[in-house]
């Protein structure tokens, strides 16, 4: 761990301190272990295709193709939403 530059006064803040010794400004440090990477999950396209095919096939076999296609697209979207929601909750 190294020292960081205070955004308020420009002095160096040691790694162990949460506040600048010169001006008292709080130092924002990134949380370790948090998965806040920008963008969607790299497996989102795979999840979309698998969920869309599974739900679309099920609805097509039980009801009709006219309902299976939109249900599959909706199911794929729900699958990606669940993947992203799970990543952000943890």
N, C-alpha and C. Protein backbone atom coordinates (compact mmCIF):
# COMPACT_ATOMS: atom_id res chain seq x y z
N UNK A 1 0.84 -1.18 0.00
CA UNK A 1 0.00 0.00 0.00
C UNK A 1 0.88 1.24 0.00
N UNK A 2 0.50 2.21 -0.79
CA UNK A 2 1.29 3.42 -0.88
C UNK A 2 0.41 4.61 -0.53
N UNK A 3 1.07 5.74 -0.38
CA UNK A 3 0.33 6.95 -0.05
C UNK A 3 -0.39 7.48 -1.30
N UNK A 4 -1.43 8.28 -1.04
CA UNK A 4 -2.21 8.85 -2.13
C UNK A 4 -2.21 10.36 -2.01
N UNK A 5 -2.52 11.01 -3.10
CA UNK A 5 -2.58 12.46 -3.15
C UNK A 5 -3.96 12.93 -2.70
N UNK A 6 -3.99 13.89 -1.78
CA UNK A 6 -5.25 14.47 -1.31
C UNK A 6 -5.83 15.33 -2.44
N UNK A 7 -7.09 15.11 -2.75
CA UNK A 7 -7.72 15.85 -3.84
C UNK A 7 -8.05 17.28 -3.43
N UNK A 8 -8.07 17.56 -2.12
CA UNK A 8 -8.43 18.88 -1.64
C UNK A 8 -7.23 19.83 -1.59
N UNK A 9 -6.14 19.38 -0.96
CA UNK A 9 -4.99 20.27 -0.77
C UNK A 9 -3.75 19.86 -1.54
N UNK A 10 -3.69 18.65 -2.05
CA UNK A 10 -2.56 18.21 -2.85
C UNK A 10 -1.43 17.57 -2.04
N UNK A 11 -1.58 17.42 -0.73
CA UNK A 11 -0.56 16.78 0.09
C UNK A 11 -0.70 15.26 0.01
N UNK A 12 0.40 14.57 0.30
CA UNK A 12 0.39 13.11 0.29
C UNK A 12 -0.23 12.59 1.59
N UNK A 13 -1.16 11.63 1.47
CA UNK A 13 -1.82 11.02 2.62
C UNK A 13 -1.31 9.60 2.75
N UNK A 14 -0.75 9.23 3.93
CA UNK A 14 -0.27 7.86 4.11
C UNK A 14 -1.39 6.84 3.92
N UNK A 15 -1.01 5.62 3.58
CA UNK A 15 -1.99 4.59 3.25
C UNK A 15 -2.87 4.22 4.44
N UNK A 16 -2.41 4.33 5.64
CA UNK A 16 -3.21 3.95 6.80
C UNK A 16 -4.22 4.99 7.23
N UNK A 17 -4.12 6.20 6.75
CA UNK A 17 -5.02 7.28 7.19
C UNK A 17 -6.23 7.38 6.28
N UNK A 18 -7.39 7.68 6.89
CA UNK A 18 -8.60 7.91 6.11
C UNK A 18 -8.85 9.40 5.88
N UNK A 19 -8.09 10.24 6.58
CA UNK A 19 -8.23 11.70 6.44
C UNK A 19 -6.85 12.32 6.21
N UNK A 20 -6.85 13.42 5.49
CA UNK A 20 -5.62 14.15 5.23
C UNK A 20 -5.19 14.84 6.52
N UNK A 21 -3.91 14.74 6.86
CA UNK A 21 -3.40 15.38 8.08
C UNK A 21 -3.32 16.89 7.93
N UNK A 22 -3.23 17.39 6.72
CA UNK A 22 -3.10 18.82 6.48
C UNK A 22 -4.45 19.54 6.52
N UNK A 23 -5.42 19.06 5.76
CA UNK A 23 -6.69 19.78 5.67
C UNK A 23 -7.86 19.05 6.32
N UNK A 24 -7.71 17.76 6.65
CA UNK A 24 -8.78 16.99 7.28
C UNK A 24 -9.79 16.42 6.32
N UNK A 25 -9.56 16.55 5.04
CA UNK A 25 -10.49 16.03 4.04
C UNK A 25 -10.46 14.51 4.04
N UNK A 26 -11.64 13.90 3.86
CA UNK A 26 -11.72 12.45 3.80
C UNK A 26 -11.14 11.95 2.48
N UNK A 27 -10.42 10.85 2.56
CA UNK A 27 -9.81 10.24 1.38
C UNK A 27 -10.68 9.07 0.95
N UNK A 28 -11.16 9.10 -0.28
CA UNK A 28 -11.99 8.02 -0.81
C UNK A 28 -11.09 6.93 -1.36
N UNK A 29 -11.18 5.76 -0.80
CA UNK A 29 -10.41 4.62 -1.26
C UNK A 29 -11.36 3.59 -1.86
N UNK A 30 -10.98 2.95 -2.95
CA UNK A 30 -11.85 1.93 -3.53
C UNK A 30 -11.96 0.72 -2.60
N UNK A 31 -13.16 0.15 -2.55
CA UNK A 31 -13.36 -1.04 -1.73
C UNK A 31 -12.77 -2.24 -2.43
N UNK A 32 -12.08 -3.07 -1.69
CA UNK A 32 -11.51 -4.26 -2.29
C UNK A 32 -12.56 -5.36 -2.28
N UNK A 33 -12.56 -6.18 -3.33
CA UNK A 33 -13.47 -7.30 -3.42
C UNK A 33 -14.83 -6.95 -4.02
N UNK A 34 -15.11 -5.70 -4.23
CA UNK A 34 -16.39 -5.32 -4.80
C UNK A 34 -16.35 -5.52 -6.31
N UNK A 35 -17.40 -6.11 -6.83
CA UNK A 35 -17.45 -6.34 -8.28
C UNK A 35 -18.27 -5.23 -8.92
N UNK A 36 -17.69 -4.08 -9.02
CA UNK A 36 -18.39 -2.94 -9.62
C UNK A 36 -17.78 -2.60 -10.97
N UNK A 37 -17.36 -3.62 -11.68
CA UNK A 37 -16.79 -3.38 -13.00
C UNK A 37 -17.87 -2.83 -13.93
N UNK A 38 -17.55 -1.83 -14.73
CA UNK A 38 -18.56 -1.26 -15.61
C UNK A 38 -18.95 -2.23 -16.70
N UNK A 39 -20.15 -2.09 -17.20
CA UNK A 39 -20.61 -2.93 -18.30
C UNK A 39 -21.32 -4.17 -17.80
N UNK A 40 -21.76 -4.98 -18.75
CA UNK A 40 -22.47 -6.20 -18.39
C UNK A 40 -21.49 -7.35 -18.20
N UNK A 41 -21.96 -8.37 -17.59
CA UNK A 41 -21.16 -9.57 -17.32
C UNK A 41 -20.71 -10.20 -18.64
N UNK A 42 -19.50 -10.74 -18.70
CA UNK A 42 -19.02 -11.34 -19.95
C UNK A 42 -19.86 -12.54 -20.42
N UNK A 43 -20.54 -13.21 -19.50
CA UNK A 43 -21.36 -14.36 -19.89
C UNK A 43 -22.80 -13.99 -20.23
N UNK A 44 -23.12 -12.72 -20.25
CA UNK A 44 -24.50 -12.29 -20.51
C UNK A 44 -25.03 -12.79 -21.86
N UNK A 45 -24.26 -12.74 -22.96
CA UNK A 45 -24.81 -13.27 -24.22
C UNK A 45 -25.12 -14.77 -24.16
N UNK A 46 -24.28 -15.53 -23.48
CA UNK A 46 -24.51 -16.97 -23.35
C UNK A 46 -25.77 -17.23 -22.54
N UNK A 47 -25.92 -16.50 -21.44
CA UNK A 47 -27.10 -16.66 -20.59
C UNK A 47 -28.36 -16.30 -21.37
N UNK A 48 -28.28 -15.23 -22.17
CA UNK A 48 -29.44 -14.82 -22.96
C UNK A 48 -29.85 -15.92 -23.94
N UNK A 49 -28.89 -16.48 -24.66
CA UNK A 49 -29.20 -17.50 -25.66
C UNK A 49 -29.76 -18.76 -25.01
N UNK A 50 -29.13 -19.21 -23.94
CA UNK A 50 -29.58 -20.44 -23.28
C UNK A 50 -30.98 -20.26 -22.71
N UNK A 51 -31.22 -19.16 -22.01
CA UNK A 51 -32.54 -18.92 -21.43
C UNK A 51 -33.59 -18.74 -22.52
N UNK A 52 -33.26 -18.01 -23.58
CA UNK A 52 -34.21 -17.77 -24.65
C UNK A 52 -34.59 -19.07 -25.35
N UNK A 53 -33.61 -19.91 -25.63
CA UNK A 53 -33.91 -21.19 -26.29
C UNK A 53 -34.72 -22.12 -25.40
N UNK A 54 -34.36 -22.18 -24.13
CA UNK A 54 -35.08 -23.08 -23.21
C UNK A 54 -36.53 -22.65 -23.03
N UNK A 55 -36.74 -21.40 -22.74
CA UNK A 55 -38.11 -20.92 -22.50
C UNK A 55 -38.89 -20.89 -23.81
N UNK A 56 -38.26 -20.46 -24.88
CA UNK A 56 -38.94 -20.44 -26.18
C UNK A 56 -39.36 -21.83 -26.63
N UNK A 57 -38.51 -22.82 -26.46
CA UNK A 57 -38.86 -24.20 -26.83
C UNK A 57 -39.98 -24.73 -25.96
N UNK A 58 -39.94 -24.45 -24.68
CA UNK A 58 -40.98 -24.92 -23.77
C UNK A 58 -42.34 -24.33 -24.14
N UNK A 59 -42.38 -23.03 -24.36
CA UNK A 59 -43.64 -22.37 -24.71
C UNK A 59 -44.11 -22.81 -26.09
N UNK A 60 -43.19 -23.01 -27.03
CA UNK A 60 -43.57 -23.46 -28.37
C UNK A 60 -44.18 -24.86 -28.32
N UNK A 61 -43.60 -25.74 -27.53
CA UNK A 61 -44.14 -27.11 -27.44
C UNK A 61 -45.48 -27.15 -26.72
N UNK A 62 -45.66 -26.29 -25.74
CA UNK A 62 -46.91 -26.34 -24.98
C UNK A 62 -48.02 -25.51 -25.61
N UNK A 63 -47.70 -24.36 -26.20
CA UNK A 63 -48.74 -23.48 -26.74
C UNK A 63 -48.64 -23.35 -28.25
N UNK A 64 -47.76 -22.47 -28.72
CA UNK A 64 -47.61 -22.29 -30.17
C UNK A 64 -46.32 -21.52 -30.45
N UNK A 65 -45.91 -21.55 -31.71
CA UNK A 65 -44.71 -20.83 -32.12
C UNK A 65 -44.91 -19.32 -32.01
N UNK A 66 -46.13 -18.87 -32.26
CA UNK A 66 -46.42 -17.43 -32.19
C UNK A 66 -46.21 -16.89 -30.78
N UNK A 67 -46.39 -17.70 -29.78
CA UNK A 67 -46.14 -17.27 -28.41
C UNK A 67 -44.74 -17.66 -27.93
N UNK A 68 -44.14 -18.68 -28.55
CA UNK A 68 -42.83 -19.16 -28.14
C UNK A 68 -41.70 -18.18 -28.42
N UNK A 69 -41.77 -17.50 -29.56
CA UNK A 69 -40.71 -16.56 -29.92
C UNK A 69 -40.66 -15.37 -28.96
N UNK A 70 -41.78 -14.66 -28.73
CA UNK A 70 -41.70 -13.54 -27.78
C UNK A 70 -41.39 -13.99 -26.35
N UNK A 71 -41.92 -15.15 -25.97
CA UNK A 71 -41.64 -15.65 -24.62
C UNK A 71 -40.15 -15.98 -24.47
N UNK A 72 -39.53 -16.52 -25.52
CA UNK A 72 -38.11 -16.82 -25.48
C UNK A 72 -37.27 -15.56 -25.35
N UNK A 73 -37.62 -14.52 -26.11
CA UNK A 73 -36.88 -13.26 -26.01
C UNK A 73 -37.05 -12.65 -24.62
N UNK A 74 -38.26 -12.70 -24.12
CA UNK A 74 -38.50 -12.17 -22.78
C UNK A 74 -37.73 -12.98 -21.73
N UNK A 75 -37.72 -14.30 -21.88
CA UNK A 75 -36.99 -15.16 -20.94
C UNK A 75 -35.49 -14.93 -20.98
N UNK A 76 -34.96 -14.68 -22.18
CA UNK A 76 -33.53 -14.35 -22.28
C UNK A 76 -33.20 -13.06 -21.57
N UNK A 77 -34.07 -12.07 -21.71
CA UNK A 77 -33.87 -10.80 -21.01
C UNK A 77 -33.94 -10.97 -19.50
N UNK A 78 -34.88 -11.78 -19.05
CA UNK A 78 -34.99 -12.05 -17.60
C UNK A 78 -33.74 -12.78 -17.10
N UNK A 79 -33.20 -13.70 -17.91
CA UNK A 79 -31.99 -14.41 -17.50
C UNK A 79 -30.80 -13.47 -17.34
N UNK A 80 -30.63 -12.53 -18.26
CA UNK A 80 -29.54 -11.57 -18.15
C UNK A 80 -29.78 -10.63 -16.97
N UNK A 81 -31.02 -10.24 -16.78
CA UNK A 81 -31.35 -9.37 -15.63
C UNK A 81 -31.00 -10.08 -14.33
N UNK A 82 -31.31 -11.37 -14.20
CA UNK A 82 -30.98 -12.12 -12.98
C UNK A 82 -29.47 -12.22 -12.79
N UNK A 83 -28.74 -12.42 -13.88
CA UNK A 83 -27.28 -12.49 -13.79
C UNK A 83 -26.71 -11.18 -13.30
N UNK A 84 -27.15 -10.07 -13.86
CA UNK A 84 -26.65 -8.76 -13.46
C UNK A 84 -27.08 -8.41 -12.04
N UNK A 85 -28.29 -8.71 -11.69
CA UNK A 85 -28.80 -8.41 -10.36
C UNK A 85 -28.01 -9.19 -9.30
N UNK A 86 -27.74 -10.44 -9.59
CA UNK A 86 -26.95 -11.26 -8.65
C UNK A 86 -25.54 -10.74 -8.50
N UNK A 87 -24.97 -10.24 -9.57
CA UNK A 87 -23.61 -9.71 -9.49
C UNK A 87 -23.56 -8.43 -8.66
N UNK A 88 -24.58 -7.61 -8.75
CA UNK A 88 -24.58 -6.34 -8.04
C UNK A 88 -25.00 -6.49 -6.58
N UNK A 89 -25.81 -7.50 -6.27
CA UNK A 89 -26.24 -7.72 -4.89
C UNK A 89 -25.09 -8.28 -4.06
N UNK A 90 -24.32 -9.19 -4.64
CA UNK A 90 -23.20 -9.79 -3.90
C UNK A 90 -22.12 -8.77 -3.81
